[in-house]
Amino acid sequence: MRILLVEDDRMLGESMVASLSRHGYTVDWLQLGNGVEIALRTETFMAVILDLTLPDTDGLDVLRRVRRAGHTLPVLILTARDDIEDRVKGLDGGADDYLVKPFALEELLARLRVLIRRAAGCTETVLEIGDLSLSLKNNEVTVQNRHISLTKNEFKLLATLATQAGRVLSKDKLQQALHGWDDTASDNAIEVHIHNLRKKVGGSLIKNIRGVGYIIENN
């Protein structure tokens, strides 16, 4: 699951990238606000974590431009501004949630899970697709109540497909979901992961739309 982080504090940004990556997210990090619209126009993310105090522009202006451009993905404001007025402006300006610094990682992770599952049309922390159950909280997968052991990238790929069930995702989109702006990954990595996932969770769950991409169909 791919996240866009917009945070100018280098120490905090590095810490968040490391922490979120350990919990199964692919994180692309911007330190300036003016690159957000380009990133959203050219790439696919599950959510945005947005600081308000940026060196080149105000985060609220970034948020307004993002919403005016028609981007509907969840946006979580993460800022030191803790006045009620600032919170109201952020939420009225199009944010889906507002978290004040300093924050606990566990709370940030919980809020992200809520935003992602809402965007996926799911109210539970566990996604149920046929015989498969996928826990966004624990990064666990079961098939017919049997625990399935997946690698980190296999889980990220399965979670990306499951949270966007009913949509065909191209190989490039899945590659970005796994590796973000890191272009050093092997071109055939997606095929390898899909092959291994099919062996583990069943060959009929992930369907290949020839020449287009892969899909997990809605129940």
C-alpha atoms as a PDB file:
ATOM      1  CA  MET A   1       0.000   0.000   0.000  1.00  0.00           C
ATOM      2  CA  ARG A   2       1.564   3.210  -1.214  1.00  0.00           C
ATOM      3  CA  ILE A   3       1.544   6.455   0.790  1.00  0.00           C
ATOM      4  CA  LEU A   4       2.664   9.957  -0.198  1.00  0.00           C
ATOM      5  CA  LEU A   5       4.339  11.723   2.741  1.00  0.00           C
ATOM      6  CA  VAL A   6       4.721  15.519   2.564  1.00  0.00           C
ATOM      7  CA  GLU A   7       6.966  16.605   5.427  1.00  0.00           C
ATOM      8  CA  ASP A   8       9.853  19.095   5.406  1.00  0.00           C
ATOM      9  CA  ASP A   9      11.497  17.987   8.682  1.00  0.00           C
ATOM     10  CA  ARG A  10      14.250  15.619   7.535  1.00  0.00           C
ATOM     11  CA  MET A  11      14.653  13.783  10.837  1.00  0.00           C
ATOM     12  CA  LEU A  12      10.922  13.218  11.254  1.00  0.00           C
ATOM     13  CA  GLY A  13      10.504  12.309   7.595  1.00  0.00           C
ATOM     14  CA  GLU A  14      13.252   9.698   7.699  1.00  0.00           C
ATOM     15  CA  SER A  15      11.798   8.229  10.883  1.00  0.00           C
ATOM     16  CA  MET A  16       8.290   8.054   9.399  1.00  0.00           C
ATOM     17  CA  VAL A  17       9.480   6.437   6.180  1.00  0.00           C
ATOM     18  CA  ALA A  18      11.339   3.778   8.171  1.00  0.00           C
ATOM     19  CA  SER A  19       8.467   3.177  10.599  1.00  0.00           C
ATOM     20  CA  LEU A  20       5.720   3.013   7.962  1.00  0.00           C
ATOM     21  CA  SER A  21       7.859   0.764   5.767  1.00  0.00           C
ATOM     22  CA  ARG A  22       8.269  -1.678   8.638  1.00  0.00           C
ATOM     23  CA  HIS A  23       4.464  -1.853   8.873  1.00  0.00           C
ATOM     24  CA  GLY A  24       3.935  -2.777   5.236  1.00  0.00           C
ATOM     25  CA  TYR A  25       3.631   0.596   3.519  1.00  0.00           C
ATOM     26  CA  THR A  26       5.548   1.877   0.523  1.00  0.00           C
ATOM     27  CA  VAL A  27       6.310   5.524   1.283  1.00  0.00           C
ATOM     28  CA  ASP A  28       7.308   8.209  -1.217  1.00  0.00           C
ATOM     29  CA  TRP A  29       8.480  11.376   0.516  1.00  0.00           C
ATOM     30  CA  LEU A  30       8.312  14.993  -0.605  1.00  0.00           C
ATOM     31  CA  GLN A  31       9.776  17.862   1.409  1.00  0.00           C
ATOM     32  CA  LEU A  32       8.049  20.597  -0.627  1.00  0.00           C
ATOM     33  CA  GLY A  33       4.364  21.131  -1.228  1.00  0.00           C
ATOM     34  CA  ASN A  34       4.496  22.238  -4.834  1.00  0.00           C
ATOM     35  CA  GLY A  35       5.344  18.738  -6.064  1.00  0.00           C
ATOM     36  CA  VAL A  36       2.211  17.143  -4.614  1.00  0.00           C
ATOM     37  CA  GLU A  37      -0.133  17.848  -7.521  1.00  0.00           C
ATOM     38  CA  ILE A  38       2.349  16.484 -10.059  1.00  0.00           C
ATOM     39  CA  ALA A  39       2.855  13.343  -7.974  1.00  0.00           C
ATOM     40  CA  LEU A  40      -0.891  12.731  -7.679  1.00  0.00           C
ATOM     41  CA  ARG A  41      -1.449  13.416 -11.364  1.00  0.00           C
ATOM     42  CA  THR A  42       1.188  10.921 -12.494  1.00  0.00           C
ATOM     43  CA  GLU A  43       1.199   8.268  -9.744  1.00  0.00           C
ATOM     44  CA  THR A  44      -1.297   6.268  -7.658  1.00  0.00           C
ATOM     45  CA  PHE A  45      -1.363   6.450  -3.847  1.00  0.00           C
ATOM     46  CA  MET A  46      -3.690   5.039  -1.210  1.00  0.00           C
ATOM     47  CA  ALA A  47      -3.419   8.133   1.013  1.00  0.00           C
ATOM     48  CA  VAL A  48      -1.493  11.350   1.631  1.00  0.00           C
ATOM     49  CA  ILE A  49       0.070  12.412   4.930  1.00  0.00           C
ATOM     50  CA  LEU A  50       0.380  16.203   4.725  1.00  0.00           C
ATOM     51  CA  ASP A  51       2.252  18.646   6.944  1.00  0.00           C
ATOM     52  CA  LEU A  52       0.844  22.176   6.948  1.00  0.00           C
ATOM     53  CA  THR A  53       4.015  24.161   7.624  1.00  0.00           C
ATOM     54  CA  LEU A  54       6.070  23.690   4.473  1.00  0.00           C
ATOM     55  CA  PRO A  55       8.976  25.871   3.323  1.00  0.00           C
ATOM     56  CA  ASP A  56       7.537  26.722  -0.109  1.00  0.00           C
ATOM     57  CA  THR A  57       3.776  26.933   0.478  1.00  0.00           C
ATOM     58  CA  ASP A  58       1.086  26.474   3.083  1.00  0.00           C
ATOM     59  CA  GLY A  59      -0.193  22.918   3.386  1.00  0.00           C
ATOM     60  CA  LEU A  60      -3.800  24.119   3.409  1.00  0.00           C
ATOM     61  CA  ASP A  61      -3.248  25.674  -0.018  1.00  0.00           C
ATOM     62  CA  VAL A  62      -1.824  22.366  -1.242  1.00  0.00           C
ATOM     63  CA  LEU A  63      -4.892  20.577   0.097  1.00  0.00           C
ATOM     64  CA  ARG A  64      -7.303  22.984  -1.591  1.00  0.00           C
ATOM     65  CA  ARG A  65      -5.517  22.614  -4.947  1.00  0.00           C
ATOM     66  CA  VAL A  66      -5.554  18.828  -4.621  1.00  0.00           C
ATOM     67  CA  ARG A  67      -9.304  18.788  -4.014  1.00  0.00           C
ATOM     68  CA  ARG A  68     -10.017  21.318  -6.759  1.00  0.00           C
ATOM     69  CA  ALA A  69      -8.102  19.071  -9.162  1.00  0.00           C
ATOM     70  CA  GLY A  70     -10.558  16.286  -8.350  1.00  0.00           C
ATOM     71  CA  HIS A  71      -8.299  14.002  -6.323  1.00  0.00           C
ATOM     72  CA  THR A  72     -10.456  12.106  -3.828  1.00  0.00           C
ATOM     73  CA  LEU A  73      -7.889   9.941  -2.048  1.00  0.00           C
ATOM     74  CA  PRO A  74      -7.739  10.252   1.761  1.00  0.00           C
ATOM     75  CA  VAL A  75      -5.598  13.060   3.186  1.00  0.00           C
ATOM     76  CA  LEU A  76      -4.360  12.971   6.777  1.00  0.00           C
ATOM     77  CA  ILE A  77      -3.032  16.280   8.060  1.00  0.00           C
ATOM     78  CA  LEU A  78      -0.079  15.852  10.407  1.00  0.00           C
ATOM     79  CA  THR A  79       0.995  19.143  11.953  1.00  0.00           C
ATOM     80  CA  ALA A  80       2.070  21.024  15.048  1.00  0.00           C
ATOM     81  CA  ARG A  81      -0.835  23.453  14.599  1.00  0.00           C
ATOM     82  CA  ASP A  82      -3.200  22.431  17.371  1.00  0.00           C
ATOM     83  CA  ASP A  83      -5.657  25.340  17.550  1.00  0.00           C
ATOM     84  CA  ILE A  84      -9.308  24.450  17.044  1.00  0.00           C
ATOM     85  CA  GLU A  85      -9.461  27.019  14.238  1.00  0.00           C
ATOM     86  CA  ASP A  86      -6.631  25.279  12.384  1.00  0.00           C
ATOM     87  CA  ARG A  87      -8.305  21.883  12.786  1.00  0.00           C
ATOM     88  CA  VAL A  88     -11.592  23.230  11.469  1.00  0.00           C
ATOM     89  CA  LYS A  89      -9.857  24.870   8.488  1.00  0.00           C
ATOM     90  CA  GLY A  90      -8.064  21.629   7.696  1.00  0.00           C
ATOM     91  CA  LEU A  91     -11.149  19.445   7.847  1.00  0.00           C
ATOM     92  CA  ASP A  92     -13.326  21.974   6.023  1.00  0.00           C
ATOM     93  CA  GLY A  93     -10.568  22.363   3.438  1.00  0.00           C
ATOM     94  CA  GLY A  94     -10.850  18.739   2.416  1.00  0.00           C
ATOM     95  CA  ALA A  95      -8.790  16.707   4.900  1.00  0.00           C
ATOM     96  CA  ASP A  96     -10.182  13.380   6.067  1.00  0.00           C
ATOM     97  CA  ASP A  97      -8.381  13.417   9.414  1.00  0.00           C
ATOM     98  CA  TYR A  98      -6.164  15.680  11.515  1.00  0.00           C
ATOM     99  CA  LEU A  99      -3.374  14.525  13.843  1.00  0.00           C
ATOM    100  CA  VAL A 100      -1.282  16.879  15.971  1.00  0.00           C
ATOM    101  CA  LYS A 101       2.468  16.511  16.553  1.00  0.00           C
ATOM    102  CA  PRO A 102       3.948  14.996  18.604  1.00  0.00           C
ATOM    103  CA  PHE A 103       2.055  11.797  17.935  1.00  0.00           C
ATOM    104  CA  ALA A 104       2.243   8.103  18.736  1.00  0.00           C
ATOM    105  CA  LEU A 105       3.070   5.841  15.804  1.00  0.00           C
ATOM    106  CA  GLU A 106       0.331   3.427  16.855  1.00  0.00           C
ATOM    107  CA  GLU A 107      -2.285   6.168  16.522  1.00  0.00           C
ATOM    108  CA  LEU A 108      -0.990   7.239  13.115  1.00  0.00           C
ATOM    109  CA  LEU A 109      -1.134   3.630  11.894  1.00  0.00           C
ATOM    110  CA  ALA A 110      -4.656   3.195  13.233  1.00  0.00           C
ATOM    111  CA  ARG A 111      -5.859   6.390  11.548  1.00  0.00           C
ATOM    112  CA  LEU A 112      -4.267   5.336   8.253  1.00  0.00           C
ATOM    113  CA  ARG A 113      -6.004   1.967   8.419  1.00  0.00           C
ATOM    114  CA  VAL A 114      -9.346   3.685   8.969  1.00  0.00           C
ATOM    115  CA  LEU A 115      -8.848   6.004   5.997  1.00  0.00           C
ATOM    116  CA  ILE A 116      -7.705   3.221   3.670  1.00  0.00           C
ATOM    117  CA  ARG A 117     -10.506   0.839   4.542  1.00  0.00           C
ATOM    118  CA  ARG A 118     -13.103   3.610   4.228  1.00  0.00           C
ATOM    119  CA  ALA A 119     -11.743   4.423   0.781  1.00  0.00           C
ATOM    120  CA  ALA A 120     -12.063   0.716  -0.028  1.00  0.00           C
ATOM    121  CA  GLY A 121     -15.685   0.736   1.171  1.00  0.00           C
ATOM    122  CA  CYS A 122     -14.903  -1.481   4.154  1.00  0.00           C
ATOM    123  CA  THR A 123     -15.813  -0.752   7.767  1.00  0.00           C
ATOM    124  CA  GLU A 124     -13.834  -3.607   9.311  1.00  0.00           C
ATOM    125  CA  THR A 125     -10.097  -3.981   9.929  1.00  0.00           C
ATOM    126  CA  VAL A 126     -10.257  -7.375   8.208  1.00  0.00           C
ATOM    127  CA  LEU A 127     -11.083  -7.580   4.512  1.00  0.00           C
ATOM    128  CA  GLU A 128     -13.134 -10.638   3.550  1.00  0.00           C
ATOM    129  CA  ILE A 129     -12.990 -11.799  -0.064  1.00  0.00           C
ATOM    130  CA  GLY A 130     -14.382 -15.268  -0.592  1.00  0.00           C
ATOM    131  CA  ASP A 131     -12.411 -17.672   1.593  1.00  0.00           C
ATOM    132  CA  LEU A 132      -9.648 -15.131   2.120  1.00  0.00           C
ATOM    133  CA  SER A 133      -9.339 -12.858   5.169  1.00  0.00           C
ATOM    134  CA  LEU A 134      -6.734 -10.081   5.181  1.00  0.00           C
ATOM    135  CA  SER A 135      -5.950  -8.107   8.337  1.00  0.00           C
ATOM    136  CA  LEU A 136      -4.697  -4.589   7.676  1.00  0.00           C
ATOM    137  CA  LYS A 137      -3.836  -4.235  11.351  1.00  0.00           C
ATOM    138  CA  ASN A 138      -1.761  -7.364  11.837  1.00  0.00           C
ATOM    139  CA  ASN A 139      -0.593  -7.918   8.243  1.00  0.00           C
ATOM    140  CA  GLU A 140      -1.994 -11.443   8.412  1.00  0.00           C
ATOM    141  CA  VAL A 141      -3.767 -13.542   5.803  1.00  0.00           C
ATOM    142  CA  THR A 142      -5.897 -16.636   6.269  1.00  0.00           C
ATOM    143  CA  VAL A 143      -7.627 -18.852   3.715  1.00  0.00           C
ATOM    144  CA  GLN A 144     -10.450 -21.019   5.065  1.00  0.00           C
ATOM    145  CA  ASN A 145      -9.199 -20.122   8.585  1.00  0.00           C
ATOM    146  CA  ARG A 146      -5.720 -21.424   7.748  1.00  0.00           C
ATOM    147  CA  HIS A 147      -2.863 -18.987   8.287  1.00  0.00           C
ATOM    148  CA  ILE A 148      -0.893 -18.216   5.134  1.00  0.00           C
ATOM    149  CA  SER A 149       2.733 -17.133   5.423  1.00  0.00           C
ATOM    150  CA  LEU A 150       3.567 -14.331   2.992  1.00  0.00           C
ATOM    151  CA  THR A 151       6.684 -12.295   2.386  1.00  0.00           C
ATOM    152  CA  LYS A 152       6.527  -8.552   2.995  1.00  0.00           C
ATOM    153  CA  ASN A 153       6.160  -7.786  -0.707  1.00  0.00           C
ATOM    154  CA  GLU A 154       3.616 -10.542  -1.248  1.00  0.00           C
ATOM    155  CA  PHE A 155       1.428  -9.078   1.493  1.00  0.00           C
ATOM    156  CA  LYS A 156       1.775  -5.545   0.132  1.00  0.00           C
ATOM    157  CA  LEU A 157       0.809  -6.734  -3.334  1.00  0.00           C
ATOM    158  CA  LEU A 158      -2.160  -8.743  -2.060  1.00  0.00           C
ATOM    159  CA  ALA A 159      -3.336  -5.851   0.137  1.00  0.00           C
ATOM    160  CA  THR A 160      -3.103  -3.438  -2.794  1.00  0.00           C
ATOM    161  CA  LEU A 161      -5.248  -5.687  -4.965  1.00  0.00           C
ATOM    162  CA  ALA A 162      -7.692  -6.478  -2.135  1.00  0.00           C
ATOM    163  CA  THR A 163      -8.271  -2.867  -1.061  1.00  0.00           C
ATOM    164  CA  GLN A 164      -8.978  -2.017  -4.704  1.00  0.00           C
ATOM    165  CA  ALA A 165     -11.029  -5.120  -5.468  1.00  0.00           C
ATOM    166  CA  GLY A 166     -12.996  -4.765  -8.671  1.00  0.00           C
ATOM    167  CA  ARG A 167     -10.328  -2.589 -10.321  1.00  0.00           C
ATOM    168  CA  VAL A 168      -7.774  -3.834 -12.823  1.00  0.00           C
ATOM    169  CA  LEU A 169      -4.302  -2.694 -11.772  1.00  0.00           C
ATOM    170  CA  SER A 170      -1.539  -2.623 -14.356  1.00  0.00           C
ATOM    171  CA  LYS A 171       1.844  -4.146 -13.717  1.00  0.00           C
ATOM    172  CA  ASP A 172       3.317  -0.651 -13.534  1.00  0.00           C
ATOM    173  CA  LYS A 173       0.786   0.383 -10.873  1.00  0.00           C
ATOM    174  CA  LEU A 174       1.570  -2.722  -8.833  1.00  0.00           C
ATOM    175  CA  GLN A 175       5.299  -2.125  -9.255  1.00  0.00           C
ATOM    176  CA  GLN A 176       4.826   1.397  -7.907  1.00  0.00           C
ATOM    177  CA  ALA A 177       2.755   0.078  -5.004  1.00  0.00           C
ATOM    178  CA  LEU A 178       5.657  -2.161  -4.002  1.00  0.00           C
ATOM    179  CA  HIS A 179       8.622   0.091  -4.688  1.00  0.00           C
ATOM    180  CA  GLY A 180       7.403   3.663  -5.147  1.00  0.00           C
ATOM    181  CA  TRP A 181       9.970   5.824  -6.890  1.00  0.00           C
ATOM    182  CA  ASP A 182      12.678   3.189  -6.470  1.00  0.00           C
ATOM    183  CA  ASP A 183      13.277   2.075 -10.055  1.00  0.00           C
ATOM    184  CA  THR A 184      15.905  -0.572  -9.274  1.00  0.00           C
ATOM    185  CA  ALA A 185      13.417  -3.440  -8.883  1.00  0.00           C
ATOM    186  CA  SER A 186      13.392  -6.213 -11.451  1.00  0.00           C
ATOM    187  CA  ASP A 187      10.898  -5.847 -14.282  1.00  0.00           C
ATOM    188  CA  ASN A 188       9.585  -9.387 -13.763  1.00  0.00           C
ATOM    189  CA  ALA A 189       9.165  -9.047  -9.980  1.00  0.00           C
ATOM    190  CA  ILE A 190       5.381  -8.619 -10.204  1.00  0.00           C
ATOM    191  CA  GLU A 191       4.928 -11.813 -12.223  1.00  0.00           C
ATOM    192  CA  VAL A 192       7.031 -13.714  -9.692  1.00  0.00           C
ATOM    193  CA  HIS A 193       5.043 -12.378  -6.738  1.00  0.00           C
ATOM    194  CA  ILE A 194       1.703 -13.082  -8.449  1.00  0.00           C
ATOM    195  CA  HIS A 195       2.825 -16.627  -9.242  1.00  0.00           C
ATOM    196  CA  ASN A 196       3.827 -17.218  -5.610  1.00  0.00           C
ATOM    197  CA  LEU A 197       0.620 -15.642  -4.273  1.00  0.00           C
ATOM    198  CA  ARG A 198      -1.528 -17.860  -6.459  1.00  0.00           C
ATOM    199  CA  LYS A 199       0.202 -20.937  -5.105  1.00  0.00           C
ATOM    200  CA  LYS A 200      -0.397 -19.772  -1.533  1.00  0.00           C
ATOM    201  CA  VAL A 201      -3.922 -18.315  -1.618  1.00  0.00           C
ATOM    202  CA  GLY A 202      -5.419 -20.149  -4.585  1.00  0.00           C
ATOM    203  CA  GLY A 203      -5.081 -19.716  -8.299  1.00  0.00           C
ATOM    204  CA  SER A 204      -8.559 -18.300  -8.909  1.00  0.00           C
ATOM    205  CA  LEU A 205      -8.396 -15.273  -6.572  1.00  0.00           C
ATOM    206  CA  ILE A 206      -6.068 -13.083  -8.637  1.00  0.00           C
ATOM    207  CA  LYS A 207      -7.121 -12.894 -12.260  1.00  0.00           C
ATOM    208  CA  ASN A 208      -4.940 -11.789 -15.156  1.00  0.00           C
ATOM    209  CA  ILE A 209      -6.625  -9.508 -17.681  1.00  0.00           C
ATOM    210  CA  ARG A 210      -4.335 -10.135 -20.625  1.00  0.00           C
ATOM    211  CA  GLY A 211      -2.558  -7.012 -21.797  1.00  0.00           C
ATOM    212  CA  VAL A 212      -4.127  -4.879 -19.050  1.00  0.00           C
ATOM    213  CA  GLY A 213      -3.166  -6.110 -15.583  1.00  0.00           C
ATOM    214  CA  TYR A 214      -4.414  -8.011 -12.547  1.00  0.00           C
ATOM    215  CA  ILE A 215      -7.627  -7.903 -10.550  1.00  0.00           C
ATOM    216  CA  ILE A 216      -9.281  -9.369  -7.473  1.00  0.00           C
ATOM    217  CA  GLU A 217     -12.985  -9.319  -8.216  1.00  0.00           C
ATOM    218  CA  ASN A 218     -15.544  -8.098  -5.694  1.00  0.00           C
ATOM    219  CA  ASN A 219     -17.558 -10.752  -3.865  1.00  0.00           C
END
